[in-house]
C-alpha atoms as a PDB file:
ATOM      1  CA  UNK A   1      14.962  10.036  11.853  1.00  0.00           C
ATOM      2  CA  UNK A   2      13.636  13.476  11.952  1.00  0.00           C
ATOM      3  CA  UNK A   3      13.121  15.228   8.433  1.00  0.00           C
ATOM      4  CA  UNK A   4      13.598  18.649   7.998  1.00  0.00           C
ATOM      5  CA  UNK A   5      10.958  20.129   6.032  1.00  0.00           C
ATOM      6  CA  UNK A   6      12.799  20.774   3.077  1.00  0.00           C
ATOM      7  CA  UNK A   7      14.690  18.007   3.175  1.00  0.00           C
ATOM      8  CA  UNK A   8      10.785  16.487   2.830  1.00  0.00           C
ATOM      9  CA  UNK A   9      10.491  18.477  -0.096  1.00  0.00           C
ATOM     10  CA  UNK A  10      13.980  18.523  -1.878  1.00  0.00           C
ATOM     11  CA  UNK A  11      12.813  14.662  -2.102  1.00  0.00           C
ATOM     12  CA  UNK A  12       9.453  15.183  -3.650  1.00  0.00           C
ATOM     13  CA  UNK A  13       9.355  14.958  -7.677  1.00  0.00           C
ATOM     14  CA  UNK A  14       8.377  18.439  -9.076  1.00  0.00           C
ATOM     15  CA  UNK A  15       4.692  17.150 -11.058  1.00  0.00           C
ATOM     16  CA  UNK A  16       3.709  16.452  -7.124  1.00  0.00           C
ATOM     17  CA  UNK A  17       4.566  19.562  -5.815  1.00  0.00           C
ATOM     18  CA  UNK A  18       2.923  21.533  -8.809  1.00  0.00           C
ATOM     19  CA  UNK A  19      -0.343  19.008  -9.017  1.00  0.00           C
ATOM     20  CA  UNK A  20      -3.445  20.416  -9.035  1.00  0.00           C
ATOM     21  CA  UNK A  21      -5.793  19.249  -5.463  1.00  0.00           C
ATOM     22  CA  UNK A  22      -7.923  16.924  -7.142  1.00  0.00           C
ATOM     23  CA  UNK A  23      -4.491  15.400  -8.655  1.00  0.00           C
ATOM     24  CA  UNK A  24      -3.864  15.252  -4.843  1.00  0.00           C
ATOM     25  CA  UNK A  25      -7.137  13.406  -4.153  1.00  0.00           C
ATOM     26  CA  UNK A  26      -6.880  11.068  -7.334  1.00  0.00           C
ATOM     27  CA  UNK A  27      -3.214  10.488  -5.801  1.00  0.00           C
ATOM     28  CA  UNK A  28      -4.652  10.135  -2.324  1.00  0.00           C
ATOM     29  CA  UNK A  29      -7.047   7.513  -2.984  1.00  0.00           C
ATOM     30  CA  UNK A  30      -4.352   5.582  -5.097  1.00  0.00           C
ATOM     31  CA  UNK A  31      -2.185   5.582  -2.024  1.00  0.00           C
ATOM     32  CA  UNK A  32      -4.991   4.989   0.402  1.00  0.00           C
ATOM     33  CA  UNK A  33      -6.197   1.668  -1.586  1.00  0.00           C
ATOM     34  CA  UNK A  34      -2.521   0.674  -1.984  1.00  0.00           C
ATOM     35  CA  UNK A  35      -2.565   0.255   1.437  1.00  0.00           C
ATOM     36  CA  UNK A  36      -5.415  -1.733   1.729  1.00  0.00           C
ATOM     37  CA  UNK A  37      -4.387  -4.166  -0.810  1.00  0.00           C
ATOM     38  CA  UNK A  38      -1.378  -4.486   0.653  1.00  0.00           C
ATOM     39  CA  UNK A  39      -3.526  -4.963   4.165  1.00  0.00           C
ATOM     40  CA  UNK A  40      -4.960  -7.589   2.533  1.00  0.00           C
ATOM     41  CA  UNK A  41      -2.294  -9.589   0.846  1.00  0.00           C
ATOM     42  CA  UNK A  42      -0.469  -9.588   4.312  1.00  0.00           C
ATOM     43  CA  UNK A  43      -3.547 -11.291   5.900  1.00  0.00           C
ATOM     44  CA  UNK A  44      -4.423 -13.575   2.895  1.00  0.00           C
ATOM     45  CA  UNK A  45      -0.761 -14.844   3.613  1.00  0.00           C
ATOM     46  CA  UNK A  46      -1.103 -15.145   7.248  1.00  0.00           C
ATOM     47  CA  UNK A  47      -4.126 -17.145   6.752  1.00  0.00           C
ATOM     48  CA  UNK A  48      -2.705 -19.618   3.891  1.00  0.00           C
ATOM     49  CA  UNK A  49       0.633 -19.964   6.656  1.00  0.00           C
ATOM     50  CA  UNK A  50      -2.492 -21.247   9.169  1.00  0.00           C
ATOM     51  CA  UNK A  51      -4.290 -22.943   7.298  1.00  0.00           C
ATOM     52  CA  UNK A  52      -4.614 -26.650   7.769  1.00  0.00           C
ATOM     53  CA  UNK A  53      -7.650 -28.709   6.012  1.00  0.00           C
ATOM     54  CA  UNK A  54      -9.666 -30.961   8.356  1.00  0.00           C
ATOM     55  CA  UNK A  55      -8.957 -33.595   5.243  1.00  0.00           C
ATOM     56  CA  UNK A  56      -6.438 -34.029   2.917  1.00  0.00           C
ATOM     57  CA  UNK A  57      -6.632 -31.696  -0.318  1.00  0.00           C
ATOM     58  CA  UNK A  58      -6.069 -34.403  -3.301  1.00  0.00           C
ATOM     59  CA  UNK A  59      -5.188 -32.893  -6.642  1.00  0.00           C
ATOM     60  CA  UNK A  60      -6.850 -34.511  -9.353  1.00  0.00           C
END
């Protein structure tokens, strides 16, 4: 789906459009860390799903 620049801008909140460079840098860092967290969560889910202990784990 190809969006025009106008459609992208219309979808942005005004607070983001009026943000300072410092605000945008902070927002970018949050987005980057969120992506890392999501990737880590997916990797953890995959590891748990594929985990097979050599001896059964018993609850006490």
